[in-house]
Amino acid sequence: MIKIDKLIDSITSFLKERFDIMKVDLVDKISSAVSRLISFFVLFLILLFVIGFASITFGNYLNEVLESSYLGYSIITLFYIIIFIGLYAFSKSGKFKNLIESEFNKGIKR
């Protein structure tokens, strides 16, 4: 009876240690993923500002060159519409979803 109690205690302590190790691993992976996600969003936000101000600057430049008060902005808008249509077609083909899933799976395996 004493050996069975020791065996149960050993198994219980082993399982508790394994659970604690798995919990620490999980917390590490989650904190790593969250930190990467936050840094991605900060960089993405900065990139949006850069693209926005560059678009305004280039629109003003085109307005000066074309001697128009709106044609430069229209050209920039048309450029973004063409990019949107291309990305929309890419996403409808399913390739965009597959690309995101494969990158997500790579990130999880790290």
N, C-alpha and C. Protein backbone atom coordinates (compact mmCIF):
# COMPACT_ATOMS: atom_id res chain seq x y z
N MET A 1 0.82 -1.19 0.00
CA MET A 1 0.00 0.00 0.00
C MET A 1 0.86 1.26 0.00
N ILE A 2 1.97 1.23 0.72
CA ILE A 2 2.87 2.38 0.79
C ILE A 2 3.51 2.63 -0.57
N LYS A 3 3.86 1.55 -1.29
CA LYS A 3 4.47 1.71 -2.61
C LYS A 3 3.48 2.32 -3.60
N ILE A 4 2.21 1.96 -3.48
CA ILE A 4 1.20 2.51 -4.38
C ILE A 4 1.04 4.00 -4.09
N ASP A 5 1.04 4.38 -2.81
CA ASP A 5 0.94 5.79 -2.45
C ASP A 5 2.13 6.58 -2.99
N LYS A 6 3.33 6.00 -2.87
CA LYS A 6 4.52 6.67 -3.40
C LYS A 6 4.44 6.79 -4.92
N LEU A 7 3.94 5.76 -5.57
CA LEU A 7 3.79 5.77 -7.02
C LEU A 7 2.79 6.85 -7.45
N ILE A 8 1.68 6.92 -6.72
CA ILE A 8 0.67 7.94 -7.04
C ILE A 8 1.24 9.33 -6.80
N ASP A 9 1.97 9.50 -5.70
CA ASP A 9 2.59 10.80 -5.42
C ASP A 9 3.61 11.16 -6.50
N SER A 10 4.39 10.18 -6.95
CA SER A 10 5.37 10.42 -8.00
C SER A 10 4.71 10.81 -9.30
N ILE A 11 3.66 10.11 -9.67
CA ILE A 11 2.93 10.42 -10.91
C ILE A 11 2.29 11.80 -10.81
N THR A 12 1.71 12.09 -9.64
CA THR A 12 1.06 13.38 -9.44
C THR A 12 2.08 14.51 -9.54
N SER A 13 3.21 14.35 -8.88
CA SER A 13 4.23 15.41 -8.94
C SER A 13 4.80 15.54 -10.35
N PHE A 14 4.97 14.42 -11.04
CA PHE A 14 5.47 14.46 -12.42
C PHE A 14 4.49 15.21 -13.32
N LEU A 15 3.20 14.88 -13.20
CA LEU A 15 2.19 15.55 -14.01
C LEU A 15 2.09 17.03 -13.68
N LYS A 16 2.23 17.36 -12.40
CA LYS A 16 2.19 18.77 -12.00
C LYS A 16 3.37 19.53 -12.59
N GLU A 17 4.55 18.94 -12.56
CA GLU A 17 5.73 19.59 -13.15
C GLU A 17 5.57 19.75 -14.66
N ARG A 18 5.06 18.72 -15.31
CA ARG A 18 4.85 18.80 -16.77
C ARG A 18 3.83 19.88 -17.10
N PHE A 19 2.77 19.96 -16.30
CA PHE A 19 1.76 20.99 -16.51
C PHE A 19 2.35 22.38 -16.32
N ASP A 20 3.18 22.56 -15.29
CA ASP A 20 3.82 23.85 -15.05
C ASP A 20 4.75 24.22 -16.20
N ILE A 21 5.49 23.25 -16.71
CA ILE A 21 6.40 23.51 -17.84
C ILE A 21 5.59 23.89 -19.08
N MET A 22 4.50 23.17 -19.33
CA MET A 22 3.66 23.48 -20.48
C MET A 22 3.02 24.86 -20.34
N LYS A 23 2.65 25.21 -19.11
CA LYS A 23 2.04 26.52 -18.86
C LYS A 23 3.05 27.64 -19.12
N VAL A 24 4.28 27.46 -18.68
CA VAL A 24 5.32 28.46 -18.93
C VAL A 24 5.60 28.58 -20.43
N ASP A 25 5.67 27.45 -21.12
CA ASP A 25 5.87 27.47 -22.58
C ASP A 25 4.73 28.21 -23.27
N LEU A 26 3.52 27.94 -22.86
CA LEU A 26 2.36 28.58 -23.46
C LEU A 26 2.38 30.09 -23.22
N VAL A 27 2.71 30.50 -22.01
CA VAL A 27 2.78 31.93 -21.70
C VAL A 27 3.88 32.58 -22.54
N ASP A 28 5.02 31.91 -22.71
CA ASP A 28 6.10 32.45 -23.54
C ASP A 28 5.66 32.62 -24.98
N LYS A 29 4.99 31.62 -25.51
CA LYS A 29 4.55 31.70 -26.91
C LYS A 29 3.49 32.79 -27.09
N ILE A 30 2.57 32.89 -26.16
CA ILE A 30 1.53 33.91 -26.26
C ILE A 30 2.13 35.30 -26.14
N SER A 31 3.03 35.50 -25.19
CA SER A 31 3.64 36.82 -25.04
C SER A 31 4.49 37.18 -26.25
N SER A 32 5.14 36.20 -26.83
CA SER A 32 5.92 36.44 -28.05
C SER A 32 5.01 36.83 -29.20
N ALA A 33 3.90 36.13 -29.35
CA ALA A 33 2.96 36.42 -30.43
C ALA A 33 2.32 37.80 -30.24
N VAL A 34 1.96 38.12 -29.02
CA VAL A 34 1.34 39.41 -28.75
C VAL A 34 2.33 40.55 -29.00
N SER A 35 3.57 40.37 -28.57
CA SER A 35 4.57 41.42 -28.79
C SER A 35 4.85 41.61 -30.28
N ARG A 36 4.89 40.51 -31.04
CA ARG A 36 5.07 40.64 -32.50
C ARG A 36 3.87 41.34 -33.12
N LEU A 37 2.68 41.02 -32.65
CA LEU A 37 1.47 41.62 -33.18
C LEU A 37 1.43 43.12 -32.89
N ILE A 38 1.78 43.52 -31.69
CA ILE A 38 1.79 44.93 -31.33
C ILE A 38 2.84 45.68 -32.14
N SER A 39 4.03 45.10 -32.27
CA SER A 39 5.06 45.78 -33.05
C SER A 39 4.66 45.87 -34.52
N PHE A 40 3.99 44.84 -35.04
CA PHE A 40 3.50 44.89 -36.41
C PHE A 40 2.50 46.04 -36.58
N PHE A 41 1.56 46.18 -35.65
CA PHE A 41 0.56 47.22 -35.77
C PHE A 41 1.17 48.61 -35.64
N VAL A 42 2.16 48.77 -34.78
CA VAL A 42 2.83 50.07 -34.66
C VAL A 42 3.55 50.40 -35.97
N LEU A 43 4.29 49.44 -36.50
CA LEU A 43 4.98 49.67 -37.78
C LEU A 43 3.99 49.92 -38.91
N PHE A 44 2.88 49.19 -38.90
CA PHE A 44 1.86 49.36 -39.93
C PHE A 44 1.24 50.76 -39.85
N LEU A 45 0.99 51.24 -38.64
CA LEU A 45 0.43 52.57 -38.46
C LEU A 45 1.40 53.64 -38.97
N ILE A 46 2.66 53.48 -38.65
CA ILE A 46 3.67 54.44 -39.13
C ILE A 46 3.74 54.40 -40.66
N LEU A 47 3.69 53.19 -41.22
CA LEU A 47 3.71 53.05 -42.68
C LEU A 47 2.50 53.73 -43.31
N LEU A 48 1.33 53.63 -42.68
CA LEU A 48 0.14 54.31 -43.20
C LEU A 48 0.33 55.82 -43.22
N PHE A 49 0.93 56.36 -42.17
CA PHE A 49 1.21 57.80 -42.15
C PHE A 49 2.19 58.18 -43.26
N VAL A 50 3.22 57.39 -43.44
CA VAL A 50 4.20 57.68 -44.49
C VAL A 50 3.54 57.65 -45.86
N ILE A 51 2.74 56.61 -46.11
CA ILE A 51 2.06 56.51 -47.40
C ILE A 51 1.08 57.67 -47.59
N GLY A 52 0.37 58.03 -46.54
CA GLY A 52 -0.58 59.14 -46.63
C GLY A 52 0.10 60.46 -46.95
N PHE A 53 1.16 60.79 -46.22
CA PHE A 53 1.85 62.05 -46.47
C PHE A 53 2.59 62.04 -47.81
N ALA A 54 3.13 60.88 -48.19
CA ALA A 54 3.78 60.78 -49.50
C ALA A 54 2.75 60.96 -50.61
N SER A 55 1.55 60.43 -50.43
CA SER A 55 0.50 60.60 -51.43
C SER A 55 0.09 62.06 -51.56
N ILE A 56 -0.06 62.72 -50.45
CA ILE A 56 -0.42 64.14 -50.48
C ILE A 56 0.69 64.95 -51.16
N THR A 57 1.93 64.65 -50.81
CA THR A 57 3.06 65.35 -51.41
C THR A 57 3.12 65.12 -52.91
N PHE A 58 2.98 63.87 -53.32
CA PHE A 58 3.04 63.55 -54.74
C PHE A 58 1.84 64.15 -55.48
N GLY A 59 0.67 64.16 -54.83
CA GLY A 59 -0.50 64.79 -55.42
C GLY A 59 -0.29 66.28 -55.64
N ASN A 60 0.30 66.95 -54.65
CA ASN A 60 0.61 68.37 -54.80
C ASN A 60 1.62 68.60 -55.92
N TYR A 61 2.62 67.73 -55.99
CA TYR A 61 3.62 67.84 -57.06
C TYR A 61 2.95 67.68 -58.43
N LEU A 62 2.10 66.67 -58.57
CA LEU A 62 1.40 66.48 -59.85
C LEU A 62 0.48 67.66 -60.17
N ASN A 63 -0.12 68.25 -59.15
CA ASN A 63 -0.96 69.44 -59.37
C ASN A 63 -0.12 70.59 -59.93
N GLU A 64 1.08 70.75 -59.39
CA GLU A 64 1.98 71.81 -59.89
C GLU A 64 2.39 71.54 -61.32
N VAL A 65 2.79 70.28 -61.60
CA VAL A 65 3.27 69.93 -62.94
C VAL A 65 2.14 70.03 -63.96
N LEU A 66 0.96 69.54 -63.61
CA LEU A 66 -0.17 69.52 -64.53
C LEU A 66 -0.97 70.83 -64.53
N GLU A 67 -0.55 71.77 -63.67
CA GLU A 67 -1.21 73.07 -63.53
C GLU A 67 -2.72 72.90 -63.30
N SER A 68 -3.03 72.06 -62.32
CA SER A 68 -4.42 71.80 -61.97
C SER A 68 -4.53 71.75 -60.46
N SER A 69 -5.70 72.07 -59.95
CA SER A 69 -5.85 72.02 -58.49
C SER A 69 -6.39 70.69 -58.00
N TYR A 70 -6.76 69.78 -58.91
CA TYR A 70 -7.34 68.50 -58.48
C TYR A 70 -6.84 67.30 -59.27
N LEU A 71 -6.25 67.49 -60.43
CA LEU A 71 -5.88 66.38 -61.30
C LEU A 71 -4.82 65.47 -60.65
N GLY A 72 -3.89 66.04 -59.92
CA GLY A 72 -2.87 65.24 -59.24
C GLY A 72 -3.48 64.31 -58.21
N TYR A 73 -4.43 64.84 -57.45
CA TYR A 73 -5.10 64.01 -56.44
C TYR A 73 -5.94 62.92 -57.11
N SER A 74 -6.53 63.25 -58.25
CA SER A 74 -7.32 62.26 -58.98
C SER A 74 -6.46 61.11 -59.49
N ILE A 75 -5.27 61.44 -59.96
CA ILE A 75 -4.35 60.40 -60.44
C ILE A 75 -3.94 59.49 -59.29
N ILE A 76 -3.62 60.07 -58.14
CA ILE A 76 -3.24 59.28 -56.96
C ILE A 76 -4.41 58.39 -56.53
N THR A 77 -5.62 58.94 -56.54
CA THR A 77 -6.81 58.16 -56.17
C THR A 77 -7.02 57.01 -57.13
N LEU A 78 -6.86 57.26 -58.43
CA LEU A 78 -6.99 56.20 -59.43
C LEU A 78 -5.95 55.10 -59.20
N PHE A 79 -4.74 55.50 -58.85
CA PHE A 79 -3.68 54.54 -58.55
C PHE A 79 -4.08 53.63 -57.39
N TYR A 80 -4.63 54.22 -56.33
CA TYR A 80 -5.05 53.41 -55.18
C TYR A 80 -6.26 52.54 -55.51
N ILE A 81 -7.14 53.00 -56.36
CA ILE A 81 -8.28 52.18 -56.79
C ILE A 81 -7.79 50.97 -57.57
N ILE A 82 -6.81 51.16 -58.44
CA ILE A 82 -6.25 50.04 -59.21
C ILE A 82 -5.58 49.03 -58.27
N ILE A 83 -4.85 49.52 -57.28
CA ILE A 83 -4.23 48.61 -56.30
C ILE A 83 -5.31 47.86 -55.53
N PHE A 84 -6.37 48.55 -55.13
CA PHE A 84 -7.46 47.91 -54.40
C PHE A 84 -8.11 46.81 -55.23
N ILE A 85 -8.38 47.10 -56.49
CA ILE A 85 -9.02 46.11 -57.36
C ILE A 85 -8.11 44.89 -57.53
N GLY A 86 -6.81 45.11 -57.68
CA GLY A 86 -5.87 43.99 -57.79
C GLY A 86 -5.84 43.15 -56.53
N LEU A 87 -5.79 43.79 -55.36
CA LEU A 87 -5.79 43.05 -54.10
C LEU A 87 -7.11 42.34 -53.86
N TYR A 88 -8.21 42.96 -54.27
CA TYR A 88 -9.52 42.33 -54.12
C TYR A 88 -9.60 41.07 -54.98
N ALA A 89 -9.12 41.16 -56.22
CA ALA A 89 -9.12 39.98 -57.10
C ALA A 89 -8.21 38.90 -56.53
N PHE A 90 -7.08 39.31 -55.97
CA PHE A 90 -6.14 38.36 -55.37
C PHE A 90 -6.78 37.66 -54.17
N SER A 91 -7.54 38.42 -53.37
CA SER A 91 -8.19 37.81 -52.21
C SER A 91 -9.34 36.90 -52.62
N LYS A 92 -10.06 37.24 -53.67
CA LYS A 92 -11.17 36.41 -54.13
C LYS A 92 -10.68 35.09 -54.71
N SER A 93 -9.45 35.05 -55.22
CA SER A 93 -8.91 33.81 -55.79
C SER A 93 -8.55 32.80 -54.70
N GLY A 94 -8.47 33.24 -53.46
CA GLY A 94 -8.13 32.34 -52.36
C GLY A 94 -6.65 32.31 -52.07
N LYS A 95 -5.85 32.89 -52.93
CA LYS A 95 -4.39 32.89 -52.73
C LYS A 95 -4.00 33.74 -51.53
N PHE A 96 -4.72 34.83 -51.31
CA PHE A 96 -4.42 35.71 -50.19
C PHE A 96 -4.66 34.99 -48.86
N LYS A 97 -5.77 34.25 -48.79
CA LYS A 97 -6.10 33.48 -47.59
C LYS A 97 -5.02 32.42 -47.33
N ASN A 98 -4.61 31.72 -48.39
CA ASN A 98 -3.58 30.70 -48.24
C ASN A 98 -2.26 31.30 -47.79
N LEU A 99 -1.92 32.48 -48.32
CA LEU A 99 -0.69 33.15 -47.93
C LEU A 99 -0.72 33.52 -46.45
N ILE A 100 -1.83 34.06 -46.00
CA ILE A 100 -1.96 34.46 -44.58
C ILE A 100 -1.90 33.23 -43.68
N GLU A 101 -2.58 32.16 -44.06
CA GLU A 101 -2.58 30.94 -43.25
C GLU A 101 -1.18 30.34 -43.17
N SER A 102 -0.45 30.33 -44.27
CA SER A 102 0.89 29.74 -44.24
C SER A 102 1.83 30.59 -43.38
N GLU A 103 1.72 31.91 -43.46
CA GLU A 103 2.55 32.78 -42.62
C GLU A 103 2.17 32.64 -41.15
N PHE A 104 0.88 32.50 -40.88
CA PHE A 104 0.43 32.29 -39.50
C PHE A 104 0.98 31.00 -38.94
N ASN A 105 0.94 29.93 -39.74
CA ASN A 105 1.46 28.64 -39.29
C ASN A 105 2.96 28.69 -39.08
N LYS A 106 3.68 29.44 -39.90
CA LYS A 106 5.13 29.61 -39.70
C LYS A 106 5.40 30.30 -38.38
N GLY A 107 4.57 31.32 -38.08
CA GLY A 107 4.74 32.06 -36.83
C GLY A 107 4.47 31.22 -35.61
N ILE A 108 3.51 30.32 -35.70
CA ILE A 108 3.19 29.45 -34.56
C ILE A 108 4.30 28.43 -34.32
N LYS A 109 4.90 27.93 -35.38
CA LYS A 109 5.92 26.90 -35.25
C LYS A 109 7.24 27.42 -34.70
N ARG A 110 7.41 28.76 -34.69
CA ARG A 110 8.67 29.32 -34.18
C ARG A 110 8.83 29.08 -32.74
